[in-house]
Amino acid sequence: MCEYCGCRRIPEIARLGEEHETITELADEADVGRADRAIRNAALRRLRQALVPHAQREEQGIFTEARQAGLTGYYIEDLEEDHRRFKEALDDPESLDDATLETLLKDLDRHIAIEEYDVFPAASKHLSDEQWRSIERMDSAP
């Protein structure tokens, strides 16, 4: 994951980055367990449990604030569409054939790379301190 620009010094980006690492590990488990449907599907259910709240936090926090800061050229709409597509696919992991799963995992890897190497560094440079505080308040709300 991204370590080159220092954006992980921002607590929300650090948290999302740690979640990306967990999501990547779970995706790898699903890929390795592909031969055994029970192992694969259990890994995909765990992946969904990690991915859905993570995506909601991104959309309600950093994506919303990035739009307000004018960062519309950083794939945000595409990333939100990915979130919807990932959730829909992971709602029924048993229905995923191997080719669909392979595409899903490649898309997830690409998605995380865009967030890590494009969105997060841009947000760290362009979001104001108040915007970061707003994201932190949202994260700490019950």
N, C-alpha and C. Protein backbone atom coordinates (compact mmCIF):
# COMPACT_ATOMS: atom_id res chain seq x y z
N MET A 1 0.83 -1.18 0.00
CA MET A 1 0.00 0.00 0.00
C MET A 1 0.89 1.25 0.00
N CYS A 2 0.26 2.36 -0.24
CA CYS A 2 0.98 3.61 -0.41
C CYS A 2 1.71 4.01 0.88
N GLU A 3 2.98 4.32 0.73
CA GLU A 3 3.77 4.84 1.84
C GLU A 3 4.64 6.01 1.37
N TYR A 4 4.52 6.38 0.10
CA TYR A 4 5.49 7.31 -0.48
C TYR A 4 5.19 8.78 -0.19
N CYS A 5 3.92 9.15 0.01
CA CYS A 5 3.61 10.59 0.07
C CYS A 5 3.36 11.10 1.48
N GLY A 6 3.29 10.20 2.45
CA GLY A 6 3.04 10.62 3.82
C GLY A 6 1.58 10.80 4.16
N CYS A 7 0.67 10.42 3.25
CA CYS A 7 -0.76 10.63 3.53
C CYS A 7 -1.26 9.78 4.70
N ARG A 8 -0.53 8.74 5.04
CA ARG A 8 -0.96 7.88 6.16
C ARG A 8 -0.78 8.57 7.51
N ARG A 9 -0.19 9.74 7.52
CA ARG A 9 -0.11 10.49 8.78
C ARG A 9 -1.48 11.01 9.20
N ILE A 10 -2.41 11.05 8.24
CA ILE A 10 -3.78 11.46 8.53
C ILE A 10 -4.53 10.24 9.04
N PRO A 11 -5.07 10.31 10.26
CA PRO A 11 -5.66 9.13 10.89
C PRO A 11 -6.70 8.40 10.04
N GLU A 12 -7.57 9.13 9.35
CA GLU A 12 -8.60 8.46 8.54
C GLU A 12 -7.98 7.70 7.38
N ILE A 13 -6.99 8.26 6.74
CA ILE A 13 -6.33 7.57 5.64
C ILE A 13 -5.58 6.35 6.18
N ALA A 14 -4.94 6.49 7.33
CA ALA A 14 -4.26 5.34 7.93
C ALA A 14 -5.25 4.22 8.21
N ARG A 15 -6.40 4.57 8.76
CA ARG A 15 -7.43 3.58 9.07
C ARG A 15 -7.93 2.89 7.80
N LEU A 16 -8.26 3.68 6.79
CA LEU A 16 -8.74 3.10 5.54
C LEU A 16 -7.65 2.24 4.90
N GLY A 17 -6.41 2.66 4.99
CA GLY A 17 -5.30 1.88 4.45
C GLY A 17 -5.15 0.55 5.16
N GLU A 18 -5.29 0.55 6.49
CA GLU A 18 -5.23 -0.71 7.24
C GLU A 18 -6.38 -1.63 6.83
N GLU A 19 -7.54 -1.04 6.61
CA GLU A 19 -8.68 -1.83 6.16
C GLU A 19 -8.42 -2.40 4.76
N HIS A 20 -7.76 -1.63 3.91
CA HIS A 20 -7.39 -2.14 2.58
C HIS A 20 -6.51 -3.38 2.72
N GLU A 21 -5.58 -3.34 3.66
CA GLU A 21 -4.70 -4.49 3.86
C GLU A 21 -5.50 -5.72 4.28
N THR A 22 -6.45 -5.53 5.18
CA THR A 22 -7.31 -6.64 5.61
C THR A 22 -8.15 -7.16 4.44
N ILE A 23 -8.73 -6.25 3.69
CA ILE A 23 -9.55 -6.63 2.53
C ILE A 23 -8.71 -7.40 1.52
N THR A 24 -7.49 -6.96 1.27
CA THR A 24 -6.59 -7.65 0.34
C THR A 24 -6.27 -9.06 0.84
N GLU A 25 -6.02 -9.20 2.13
CA GLU A 25 -5.75 -10.53 2.70
C GLU A 25 -6.95 -11.45 2.53
N LEU A 26 -8.15 -10.93 2.77
CA LEU A 26 -9.36 -11.74 2.62
C LEU A 26 -9.60 -12.12 1.16
N ALA A 27 -9.33 -11.20 0.25
CA ALA A 27 -9.46 -11.51 -1.18
C ALA A 27 -8.46 -12.60 -1.57
N ASP A 28 -7.26 -12.52 -1.03
CA ASP A 28 -6.26 -13.55 -1.31
C ASP A 28 -6.71 -14.91 -0.78
N GLU A 29 -7.32 -14.93 0.41
CA GLU A 29 -7.84 -16.18 0.97
C GLU A 29 -8.89 -16.78 0.03
N ALA A 30 -9.77 -15.96 -0.48
CA ALA A 30 -10.82 -16.44 -1.40
C ALA A 30 -10.19 -16.98 -2.68
N ASP A 31 -9.16 -16.32 -3.16
CA ASP A 31 -8.50 -16.75 -4.38
C ASP A 31 -7.79 -18.08 -4.17
N VAL A 32 -7.04 -18.20 -3.08
CA VAL A 32 -6.31 -19.43 -2.78
C VAL A 32 -7.28 -20.57 -2.51
N GLY A 33 -8.42 -20.28 -1.87
CA GLY A 33 -9.39 -21.31 -1.52
C GLY A 33 -10.35 -21.65 -2.64
N ARG A 34 -10.08 -21.18 -3.84
CA ARG A 34 -11.00 -21.34 -4.95
C ARG A 34 -11.39 -22.80 -5.21
N ALA A 35 -10.47 -23.73 -5.00
CA ALA A 35 -10.74 -25.14 -5.30
C ALA A 35 -11.76 -25.74 -4.34
N ASP A 36 -11.84 -25.21 -3.14
CA ASP A 36 -12.79 -25.72 -2.14
C ASP A 36 -13.87 -24.65 -1.94
N ARG A 37 -15.06 -24.92 -2.46
CA ARG A 37 -16.15 -23.93 -2.43
C ARG A 37 -16.48 -23.47 -1.02
N ALA A 38 -16.45 -24.35 -0.05
CA ALA A 38 -16.79 -23.95 1.32
C ALA A 38 -15.78 -22.95 1.86
N ILE A 39 -14.50 -23.20 1.64
CA ILE A 39 -13.44 -22.27 2.10
C ILE A 39 -13.56 -20.95 1.34
N ARG A 40 -13.73 -21.05 0.04
CA ARG A 40 -13.85 -19.85 -0.80
C ARG A 40 -15.03 -19.00 -0.37
N ASN A 41 -16.19 -19.61 -0.19
CA ASN A 41 -17.39 -18.86 0.16
C ASN A 41 -17.31 -18.26 1.56
N ALA A 42 -16.68 -18.98 2.49
CA ALA A 42 -16.48 -18.42 3.84
C ALA A 42 -15.57 -17.19 3.77
N ALA A 43 -14.51 -17.27 2.96
CA ALA A 43 -13.62 -16.12 2.79
C ALA A 43 -14.35 -14.95 2.14
N LEU A 44 -15.20 -15.24 1.17
CA LEU A 44 -15.96 -14.18 0.51
C LEU A 44 -16.97 -13.54 1.46
N ARG A 45 -17.55 -14.32 2.35
CA ARG A 45 -18.48 -13.72 3.33
C ARG A 45 -17.71 -12.80 4.30
N ARG A 46 -16.52 -13.23 4.71
CA ARG A 46 -15.69 -12.37 5.57
C ARG A 46 -15.26 -11.11 4.80
N LEU A 47 -14.95 -11.28 3.52
CA LEU A 47 -14.59 -10.14 2.69
C LEU A 47 -15.74 -9.14 2.64
N ARG A 48 -16.96 -9.62 2.45
CA ARG A 48 -18.12 -8.74 2.42
C ARG A 48 -18.29 -8.01 3.75
N GLN A 49 -18.09 -8.73 4.87
CA GLN A 49 -18.24 -8.11 6.19
C GLN A 49 -17.23 -6.98 6.40
N ALA A 50 -16.07 -7.10 5.81
CA ALA A 50 -15.06 -6.04 5.92
C ALA A 50 -15.30 -4.93 4.90
N LEU A 51 -15.71 -5.31 3.71
CA LEU A 51 -15.79 -4.36 2.60
C LEU A 51 -16.98 -3.40 2.69
N VAL A 52 -18.14 -3.89 3.09
CA VAL A 52 -19.34 -3.05 3.07
C VAL A 52 -19.22 -1.85 4.02
N PRO A 53 -18.87 -2.05 5.30
CA PRO A 53 -18.75 -0.85 6.16
C PRO A 53 -17.58 0.05 5.75
N HIS A 54 -16.53 -0.55 5.22
CA HIS A 54 -15.40 0.24 4.73
C HIS A 54 -15.85 1.16 3.60
N ALA A 55 -16.59 0.61 2.64
CA ALA A 55 -17.08 1.40 1.50
C ALA A 55 -18.02 2.51 1.97
N GLN A 56 -18.88 2.20 2.91
CA GLN A 56 -19.80 3.22 3.44
C GLN A 56 -19.02 4.36 4.08
N ARG A 57 -17.98 4.01 4.85
CA ARG A 57 -17.18 5.05 5.51
C ARG A 57 -16.47 5.91 4.46
N GLU A 58 -15.94 5.29 3.40
CA GLU A 58 -15.29 6.08 2.35
C GLU A 58 -16.28 7.02 1.68
N GLU A 59 -17.45 6.50 1.33
CA GLU A 59 -18.44 7.30 0.60
C GLU A 59 -18.97 8.44 1.45
N GLN A 60 -19.23 8.18 2.72
CA GLN A 60 -19.78 9.22 3.59
C GLN A 60 -18.72 10.19 4.09
N GLY A 61 -17.47 9.77 4.05
CA GLY A 61 -16.39 10.60 4.58
C GLY A 61 -15.53 11.20 3.49
N ILE A 62 -14.46 10.50 3.16
CA ILE A 62 -13.44 11.07 2.27
C ILE A 62 -13.99 11.38 0.87
N PHE A 63 -14.89 10.54 0.33
CA PHE A 63 -15.42 10.84 -1.01
C PHE A 63 -16.29 12.09 -0.99
N THR A 64 -17.14 12.21 0.02
CA THR A 64 -18.00 13.39 0.13
C THR A 64 -17.16 14.65 0.26
N GLU A 65 -16.17 14.61 1.12
CA GLU A 65 -15.33 15.79 1.33
C GLU A 65 -14.46 16.07 0.10
N ALA A 66 -14.02 15.04 -0.60
CA ALA A 66 -13.22 15.24 -1.81
C ALA A 66 -14.04 15.96 -2.88
N ARG A 67 -15.30 15.55 -3.01
CA ARG A 67 -16.17 16.25 -3.97
C ARG A 67 -16.30 17.72 -3.61
N GLN A 68 -16.51 18.00 -2.32
CA GLN A 68 -16.66 19.39 -1.88
C GLN A 68 -15.39 20.19 -2.12
N ALA A 69 -14.25 19.52 -2.12
CA ALA A 69 -12.97 20.19 -2.37
C ALA A 69 -12.68 20.30 -3.86
N GLY A 70 -13.59 19.79 -4.69
CA GLY A 70 -13.42 19.90 -6.14
C GLY A 70 -12.60 18.78 -6.76
N LEU A 71 -12.41 17.70 -6.04
CA LEU A 71 -11.60 16.58 -6.56
C LEU A 71 -12.47 15.60 -7.35
N THR A 72 -13.16 16.10 -8.33
CA THR A 72 -14.08 15.25 -9.08
C THR A 72 -13.37 14.42 -10.14
N GLY A 73 -12.15 14.75 -10.48
CA GLY A 73 -11.42 14.01 -11.49
C GLY A 73 -10.69 12.79 -10.96
N TYR A 74 -10.95 12.41 -9.74
CA TYR A 74 -10.21 11.31 -9.12
C TYR A 74 -11.04 10.04 -9.01
N TYR A 75 -11.86 9.75 -10.02
CA TYR A 75 -12.55 8.48 -10.16
C TYR A 75 -13.61 8.21 -9.09
N ILE A 76 -14.03 9.20 -8.35
CA ILE A 76 -14.90 8.95 -7.20
C ILE A 76 -16.20 8.27 -7.62
N GLU A 77 -16.83 8.74 -8.67
CA GLU A 77 -18.08 8.11 -9.11
C GLU A 77 -17.83 6.66 -9.52
N ASP A 78 -16.73 6.41 -10.22
CA ASP A 78 -16.40 5.04 -10.61
C ASP A 78 -16.14 4.16 -9.39
N LEU A 79 -15.47 4.71 -8.40
CA LEU A 79 -15.18 3.95 -7.18
C LEU A 79 -16.46 3.62 -6.43
N GLU A 80 -17.39 4.56 -6.39
CA GLU A 80 -18.68 4.29 -5.75
C GLU A 80 -19.45 3.21 -6.50
N GLU A 81 -19.38 3.25 -7.82
CA GLU A 81 -20.03 2.19 -8.61
C GLU A 81 -19.37 0.84 -8.33
N ASP A 82 -18.05 0.83 -8.20
CA ASP A 82 -17.36 -0.40 -7.82
C ASP A 82 -17.90 -0.92 -6.49
N HIS A 83 -18.04 -0.03 -5.52
CA HIS A 83 -18.55 -0.45 -4.20
C HIS A 83 -19.89 -1.16 -4.36
N ARG A 84 -20.78 -0.57 -5.13
CA ARG A 84 -22.10 -1.18 -5.33
C ARG A 84 -21.98 -2.55 -6.00
N ARG A 85 -21.12 -2.63 -7.00
CA ARG A 85 -20.93 -3.88 -7.73
C ARG A 85 -20.31 -4.96 -6.84
N PHE A 86 -19.31 -4.58 -6.03
CA PHE A 86 -18.68 -5.54 -5.13
C PHE A 86 -19.69 -6.07 -4.12
N LYS A 87 -20.47 -5.16 -3.54
CA LYS A 87 -21.47 -5.58 -2.56
C LYS A 87 -22.47 -6.54 -3.18
N GLU A 88 -22.97 -6.18 -4.35
CA GLU A 88 -23.96 -7.02 -5.02
C GLU A 88 -23.39 -8.42 -5.29
N ALA A 89 -22.17 -8.49 -5.77
CA ALA A 89 -21.56 -9.79 -6.06
C ALA A 89 -21.34 -10.59 -4.78
N LEU A 90 -20.93 -9.91 -3.72
CA LEU A 90 -20.63 -10.60 -2.47
C LEU A 90 -21.87 -10.91 -1.64
N ASP A 91 -23.02 -10.36 -2.02
CA ASP A 91 -24.27 -10.71 -1.34
C ASP A 91 -24.61 -12.19 -1.53
N ASP A 92 -24.15 -12.77 -2.62
CA ASP A 92 -24.43 -14.17 -2.91
C ASP A 92 -23.17 -14.84 -3.45
N PRO A 93 -22.18 -15.11 -2.57
CA PRO A 93 -20.90 -15.65 -3.05
C PRO A 93 -21.03 -17.02 -3.71
N GLU A 94 -22.03 -17.78 -3.31
CA GLU A 94 -22.21 -19.11 -3.89
C GLU A 94 -22.50 -19.04 -5.40
N SER A 95 -23.05 -17.93 -5.85
CA SER A 95 -23.42 -17.81 -7.26
C SER A 95 -22.25 -17.41 -8.16
N LEU A 96 -21.12 -17.07 -7.58
CA LEU A 96 -19.98 -16.60 -8.38
C LEU A 96 -19.24 -17.78 -9.00
N ASP A 97 -19.16 -17.79 -10.32
CA ASP A 97 -18.33 -18.81 -10.96
C ASP A 97 -16.88 -18.34 -10.91
N ASP A 98 -15.95 -19.22 -11.29
CA ASP A 98 -14.53 -18.90 -11.17
C ASP A 98 -14.12 -17.69 -12.00
N ALA A 99 -14.65 -17.58 -13.21
CA ALA A 99 -14.29 -16.44 -14.07
C ALA A 99 -14.79 -15.12 -13.48
N THR A 100 -16.01 -15.13 -12.95
CA THR A 100 -16.56 -13.92 -12.33
C THR A 100 -15.77 -13.56 -11.08
N LEU A 101 -15.41 -14.56 -10.29
CA LEU A 101 -14.62 -14.30 -9.09
C LEU A 101 -13.26 -13.72 -9.47
N GLU A 102 -12.62 -14.28 -10.48
CA GLU A 102 -11.32 -13.77 -10.90
C GLU A 102 -11.41 -12.30 -11.32
N THR A 103 -12.43 -11.96 -12.08
CA THR A 103 -12.64 -10.57 -12.50
C THR A 103 -12.90 -9.68 -11.29
N LEU A 104 -13.74 -10.14 -10.38
CA LEU A 104 -14.05 -9.37 -9.17
C LEU A 104 -12.79 -9.08 -8.37
N LEU A 105 -11.95 -10.08 -8.17
CA LEU A 105 -10.74 -9.89 -7.37
C LEU A 105 -9.74 -8.97 -8.06
N LYS A 106 -9.63 -9.07 -9.38
CA LYS A 106 -8.75 -8.15 -10.12
C LYS A 106 -9.29 -6.72 -10.04
N ASP A 107 -10.60 -6.57 -10.17
CA ASP A 107 -11.21 -5.25 -10.07
C ASP A 107 -11.02 -4.66 -8.67
N LEU A 108 -11.12 -5.50 -7.66
CA LEU A 108 -10.92 -5.03 -6.29
C LEU A 108 -9.49 -4.56 -6.08
N ASP A 109 -8.54 -5.29 -6.62
CA ASP A 109 -7.13 -4.91 -6.52
C ASP A 109 -6.89 -3.56 -7.21
N ARG A 110 -7.46 -3.40 -8.42
CA ARG A 110 -7.33 -2.14 -9.16
C ARG A 110 -7.97 -1.00 -8.38
N HIS A 111 -9.14 -1.26 -7.82
CA HIS A 111 -9.90 -0.28 -7.05
C HIS A 111 -9.06 0.24 -5.87
N ILE A 112 -8.50 -0.68 -5.12
CA ILE A 112 -7.69 -0.29 -3.96
C ILE A 112 -6.47 0.51 -4.40
N ALA A 113 -5.85 0.12 -5.49
CA ALA A 113 -4.68 0.85 -5.98
C ALA A 113 -5.05 2.29 -6.33
N ILE A 114 -6.19 2.49 -6.97
CA ILE A 114 -6.62 3.86 -7.31
C ILE A 114 -6.82 4.68 -6.05
N GLU A 115 -7.47 4.10 -5.05
CA GLU A 115 -7.67 4.84 -3.80
C GLU A 115 -6.34 5.15 -3.13
N GLU A 116 -5.47 4.16 -3.04
CA GLU A 116 -4.20 4.32 -2.34
C GLU A 116 -3.25 5.30 -3.04
N TYR A 117 -3.18 5.22 -4.36
CA TYR A 117 -2.15 5.98 -5.08
C TYR A 117 -2.66 7.25 -5.74
N ASP A 118 -3.97 7.41 -5.83
CA ASP A 118 -4.52 8.62 -6.45
C ASP A 118 -5.40 9.41 -5.47
N VAL A 119 -6.46 8.77 -4.99
CA VAL A 119 -7.45 9.48 -4.18
C VAL A 119 -6.87 9.93 -2.84
N PHE A 120 -6.26 9.02 -2.11
CA PHE A 120 -5.77 9.38 -0.78
C PHE A 120 -4.69 10.46 -0.83
N PRO A 121 -3.68 10.34 -1.70
CA PRO A 121 -2.69 11.43 -1.76
C PRO A 121 -3.32 12.77 -2.16
N ALA A 122 -4.26 12.75 -3.12
CA ALA A 122 -4.91 14.01 -3.51
C ALA A 122 -5.72 14.58 -2.35
N ALA A 123 -6.45 13.72 -1.64
CA ALA A 123 -7.24 14.19 -0.49
C ALA A 123 -6.34 14.76 0.59
N SER A 124 -5.21 14.12 0.82
CA SER A 124 -4.32 14.62 1.88
C SER A 124 -3.81 16.02 1.57
N LYS A 125 -3.68 16.33 0.28
CA LYS A 125 -3.17 17.65 -0.12
C LYS A 125 -4.27 18.70 -0.19
N HIS A 126 -5.50 18.30 -0.50
CA HIS A 126 -6.54 19.28 -0.83
C HIS A 126 -7.65 19.43 0.20
N LEU A 127 -7.84 18.45 1.07
CA LEU A 127 -8.89 18.61 2.08
C LEU A 127 -8.38 19.49 3.21
N SER A 128 -9.25 20.33 3.70
CA SER A 128 -8.88 21.24 4.79
C SER A 128 -8.88 20.50 6.13
N ASP A 129 -8.27 21.12 7.12
CA ASP A 129 -8.29 20.55 8.47
C ASP A 129 -9.72 20.37 8.95
N GLU A 130 -10.58 21.32 8.63
CA GLU A 130 -11.99 21.21 9.04
C GLU A 130 -12.66 20.01 8.37
N GLN A 131 -12.33 19.76 7.13
CA GLN A 131 -12.92 18.60 6.45
C GLN A 131 -12.46 17.30 7.11
N TRP A 132 -11.19 17.23 7.49
CA TRP A 132 -10.71 16.03 8.19
C TRP A 132 -11.39 15.88 9.54
N ARG A 133 -11.59 17.01 10.25
CA ARG A 133 -12.30 16.93 11.53
C ARG A 133 -13.73 16.46 11.33
N SER A 134 -14.36 16.90 10.26
CA SER A 134 -15.72 16.47 9.95
C SER A 134 -15.77 14.96 9.72
N ILE A 135 -14.79 14.43 9.01
CA ILE A 135 -14.72 12.99 8.78
C ILE A 135 -14.50 12.26 10.10
N GLU A 136 -13.63 12.78 10.94
CA GLU A 136 -13.38 12.15 12.24
C GLU A 136 -14.64 12.15 13.10
N ARG A 137 -15.39 13.26 13.09
CA ARG A 137 -16.64 13.32 13.86
C ARG A 137 -17.64 12.29 13.35
N MET A 138 -17.72 12.15 12.04
CA MET A 138 -18.63 11.17 11.47
C MET A 138 -18.22 9.75 11.90
N ASP A 139 -16.94 9.47 11.90
CA ASP A 139 -16.45 8.15 12.29
C ASP A 139 -16.71 7.85 13.76
N SER A 140 -16.69 8.89 14.59
CA SER A 140 -16.87 8.65 16.03
C SER A 140 -18.35 8.70 16.45
N ALA A 141 -19.23 9.05 15.53
CA ALA A 141 -20.68 9.09 15.85
C ALA A 141 -21.19 7.65 16.02
N PRO A 142 -22.13 7.46 16.95
CA PRO A 142 -22.64 6.10 17.19
C PRO A 142 -23.42 5.56 16.03
